[in-house]
Amino acid sequence: MESAQRKAPSATNTRGHTNFNDSRTDYKTSGAKLPLSTTDILDNFRQALIENIGHAPNTIECSGKLERFSSNGKSDDKAGWYVCHEHTLMIDQAYQWGIVCIFGNWREGFTYQWNSFSTFFQLSREAKQELERKQQAQVAQQQAERAAKAEQAHRQGVAMWKSAQPANPSHPYLMRKRVGHTTSGKRAICC
């Protein structure tokens, strides 16, 4: 089957500037009809990353978690980032699977929003509200998970601090560094 050409869903800079997906770029789909395949949707998002940031990871994860990648092609660079959420919406009496993403480049300071629904479907007010509700629920869940991890780390740190014993002042390292000694050579009270 011959592949159809479709204009990609737009990415919008959160500062209010749309600087992506003008008429010069069309994205290929593997089939001539909707819904798009998972591969097509992920390829379109990957293309959005390339056009806005300059690089994209080889594979896109729809984990709902922060994913980092090189924004300049260097292996030690991790300034590029994205978060993708999977969603299924009822559109035109059929369930449509898609992704909603936010991405950016920490070095440049830009943040973009992208979704696979907006160009191919005219979303109703209810569908948009459902999408926003799902996104907010996922963000709240991520924040709760981060807060729980931070609380666990805090408790672990406090427990380690409370169980710590004073250092032995005659330990070779402390003697070498002259910890607990004054400049006159007399021993000072340590800890």
Protein backbone atom coordinates (compact mmCIF):
# COMPACT_ATOMS: atom_id res chain seq x y z
CA MET A 1 0.00 0.00 0.00
CA GLU A 2 1.32 3.42 -0.88
CA SER A 3 2.06 5.58 2.14
CA ALA A 4 0.00 8.70 2.63
CA GLN A 5 1.41 12.09 3.56
CA ARG A 6 -0.09 13.83 6.57
CA LYS A 7 0.91 17.00 8.33
CA ALA A 8 2.28 16.19 11.77
CA PRO A 9 0.62 17.22 14.98
CA SER A 10 1.98 20.57 16.03
CA ALA A 11 4.38 21.24 18.85
CA THR A 12 3.84 24.52 20.61
CA ASN A 13 6.44 26.37 22.60
CA THR A 14 5.00 26.98 26.04
CA ARG A 15 6.09 30.58 25.81
CA GLY A 16 3.36 31.00 23.23
CA HIS A 17 5.39 30.70 20.03
CA THR A 18 4.61 27.95 17.57
CA ASN A 19 7.89 27.36 15.83
CA PHE A 20 7.30 23.93 14.44
CA ASN A 21 5.32 22.15 11.74
CA ASP A 22 4.93 24.88 9.22
CA SER A 23 3.83 23.72 5.76
CA ARG A 24 7.30 22.54 4.73
CA THR A 25 7.19 19.30 6.73
CA ASP A 26 4.93 16.32 6.17
CA TYR A 27 5.14 13.13 8.15
CA LYS A 28 4.62 9.73 6.61
CA THR A 29 2.13 7.24 7.90
CA SER A 30 2.22 3.55 7.15
CA GLY A 31 -1.41 3.48 6.06
CA ALA A 32 -3.72 5.79 4.20
CA LYS A 33 -6.43 5.76 6.87
CA LEU A 34 -6.74 6.59 10.52
CA PRO A 35 -6.08 5.61 13.21
CA LEU A 36 -2.34 5.93 12.92
CA SER A 37 -0.23 3.01 14.04
CA THR A 38 1.77 3.18 17.25
CA THR A 39 4.96 3.28 15.17
CA ASP A 40 3.67 6.24 13.14
CA ILE A 41 2.72 8.18 16.27
CA LEU A 42 6.09 7.56 17.94
CA ASP A 43 7.94 8.40 14.70
CA ASN A 44 6.00 11.67 14.44
CA PHE A 45 6.93 12.58 18.01
CA ARG A 46 10.56 11.65 17.36
CA GLN A 47 10.50 13.93 14.31
CA ALA A 48 9.10 16.74 16.49
CA LEU A 49 12.06 16.29 18.85
CA ILE A 50 14.53 16.43 15.95
CA GLU A 51 12.97 19.56 14.45
CA ASN A 52 12.76 21.46 17.74
CA ILE A 53 15.84 20.26 19.60
CA GLY A 54 18.08 18.90 16.86
CA HIS A 55 18.35 15.32 18.12
CA ALA A 56 16.12 12.57 19.47
CA PRO A 57 16.63 9.23 21.18
CA ASN A 58 16.41 6.10 19.02
CA THR A 59 13.47 4.79 21.01
CA ILE A 60 10.65 6.72 22.63
CA GLU A 61 9.38 5.52 26.01
CA CYS A 62 5.78 6.31 26.95
CA SER A 63 6.41 5.67 30.63
CA GLY A 64 4.96 8.91 31.92
CA LYS A 65 8.35 9.56 33.53
CA LEU A 66 11.11 11.99 32.69
CA GLU A 67 13.37 10.60 29.97
CA ARG A 68 16.65 12.33 29.16
CA PHE A 69 18.62 12.25 25.93
CA SER A 70 21.44 14.02 24.12
CA SER A 71 20.39 17.33 22.62
CA ASN A 72 23.59 17.73 20.61
CA GLY A 73 24.60 14.18 19.66
CA LYS A 74 27.34 13.87 22.28
CA SER A 75 27.06 10.83 24.52
CA ASP A 76 27.78 12.75 27.74
CA ASP A 77 25.09 15.37 27.05
CA LYS A 78 21.68 14.86 28.66
CA ALA A 79 20.14 18.32 28.22
CA GLY A 80 17.22 17.05 26.13
CA TRP A 81 14.23 15.64 27.97
CA TYR A 82 10.66 14.50 27.42
CA VAL A 83 7.71 13.01 29.26
CA CYS A 84 5.12 11.03 27.26
CA HIS A 85 1.75 9.83 28.54
CA GLU A 86 -0.37 7.29 26.72
CA HIS A 87 -4.06 8.08 26.39
CA THR A 88 -7.12 6.52 24.84
CA LEU A 89 -9.93 8.90 23.99
CA MET A 90 -13.40 8.37 22.58
CA ILE A 91 -13.38 10.35 19.32
CA ASP A 92 -16.14 10.06 16.71
CA GLN A 93 -17.67 7.03 18.46
CA ALA A 94 -14.37 5.12 18.39
CA TYR A 95 -11.54 4.77 20.85
CA GLN A 96 -8.33 6.36 19.62
CA TRP A 97 -4.94 5.66 21.20
CA GLY A 98 -2.39 8.42 21.27
CA ILE A 99 0.28 10.16 23.29
CA VAL A 100 0.55 13.54 24.93
CA CYS A 101 4.08 14.79 25.52
CA ILE A 102 6.01 17.69 26.91
CA PHE A 103 9.66 18.08 25.96
CA GLY A 104 12.46 20.55 26.00
CA ASN A 105 16.11 21.38 26.20
CA TRP A 106 17.48 22.46 29.57
CA ARG A 107 20.49 24.13 27.97
CA GLU A 108 18.35 26.37 25.77
CA GLY A 109 15.51 26.75 28.27
CA PHE A 110 12.67 25.91 25.88
CA THR A 111 9.69 23.70 26.67
CA TYR A 112 7.22 22.37 24.10
CA GLN A 113 3.92 20.52 24.21
CA TRP A 114 2.94 17.91 21.64
CA ASN A 115 0.08 15.49 21.20
CA SER A 116 -0.90 12.98 18.55
CA PHE A 117 -4.59 13.90 18.57
CA SER A 118 -4.86 17.57 17.63
CA THR A 119 -4.06 17.55 13.92
CA PHE A 120 -6.00 14.45 12.93
CA PHE A 121 -9.01 14.90 15.16
CA GLN A 122 -11.14 17.82 16.19
CA LEU A 123 -11.34 17.21 19.92
CA SER A 124 -14.57 18.05 21.68
CA ARG A 125 -14.54 20.08 24.87
CA GLU A 126 -15.26 16.89 26.83
CA ALA A 127 -12.35 15.03 25.16
CA LYS A 128 -9.98 17.92 25.90
CA GLN A 129 -11.13 18.00 29.53
CA GLU A 130 -10.70 14.22 29.80
CA LEU A 131 -7.18 14.50 28.37
CA GLU A 132 -6.29 17.30 30.79
CA ARG A 133 -7.77 15.35 33.73
CA LYS A 134 -5.69 12.29 32.87
CA GLN A 135 -2.56 14.40 32.53
CA GLN A 136 -3.16 16.08 35.89
CA ALA A 137 -3.74 12.71 37.56
CA GLN A 138 -0.47 11.37 36.14
CA VAL A 139 1.44 14.47 37.21
CA ALA A 140 -0.05 14.21 40.73
CA GLN A 141 0.95 10.54 40.89
CA GLN A 142 4.53 11.36 39.82
CA GLN A 143 4.75 14.15 42.40
CA ALA A 144 3.49 11.79 45.11
CA GLU A 145 6.07 9.17 44.10
CA ARG A 146 8.88 11.76 44.17
CA ALA A 147 7.71 13.05 47.56
CA ALA A 148 7.60 9.49 48.94
CA LYS A 149 11.14 8.81 47.67
CA ALA A 150 12.38 12.09 49.16
CA GLU A 151 10.73 11.29 52.51
CA GLN A 152 12.30 7.80 52.52
CA ALA A 153 15.73 9.28 51.76
CA HIS A 154 15.23 11.84 54.54
CA ARG A 155 14.29 9.15 57.07
CA GLN A 156 17.25 7.02 56.03
CA GLY A 157 19.64 9.98 56.35
CA VAL A 158 18.32 10.91 59.79
CA ALA A 159 18.62 7.29 60.95
CA MET A 160 22.21 7.11 59.70
CA TRP A 161 23.04 10.40 61.43
CA LYS A 162 21.52 9.30 64.73
CA SER A 163 23.31 5.94 64.67
CA ALA A 164 26.70 7.45 63.79
CA GLN A 165 29.44 7.24 66.38
CA PRO A 166 32.07 9.92 67.01
CA ALA A 167 35.27 9.39 65.06
CA ASN A 168 38.24 7.89 66.85
CA PRO A 169 40.67 10.83 67.18
CA SER A 170 43.64 8.46 66.86
CA HIS A 171 42.51 7.16 63.47
CA PRO A 172 45.47 7.42 61.04
CA TYR A 173 43.56 9.59 58.56
CA LEU A 174 42.51 12.09 61.24
CA MET A 175 46.06 12.13 62.64
CA ARG A 176 47.50 12.78 59.17
CA LYS A 177 45.04 15.63 58.58
CA ARG A 178 45.66 16.93 62.10
CA VAL A 179 41.96 16.94 62.91
CA GLY A 180 41.49 17.91 66.51
CA HIS A 181 44.90 19.61 66.82
CA THR A 182 45.55 23.29 67.26
CA THR A 183 48.34 25.18 65.53
CA SER A 184 50.35 25.15 68.76
CA GLY A 185 50.59 21.37 68.55
CA LYS A 186 48.42 20.77 71.58
CA ARG A 187 45.45 18.54 71.24
CA ALA A 188 42.11 20.27 70.94
CA ILE A 189 38.79 18.77 71.85
CA CYS A 190 37.41 16.98 68.85
CA CYS A 191 33.73 16.72 68.12
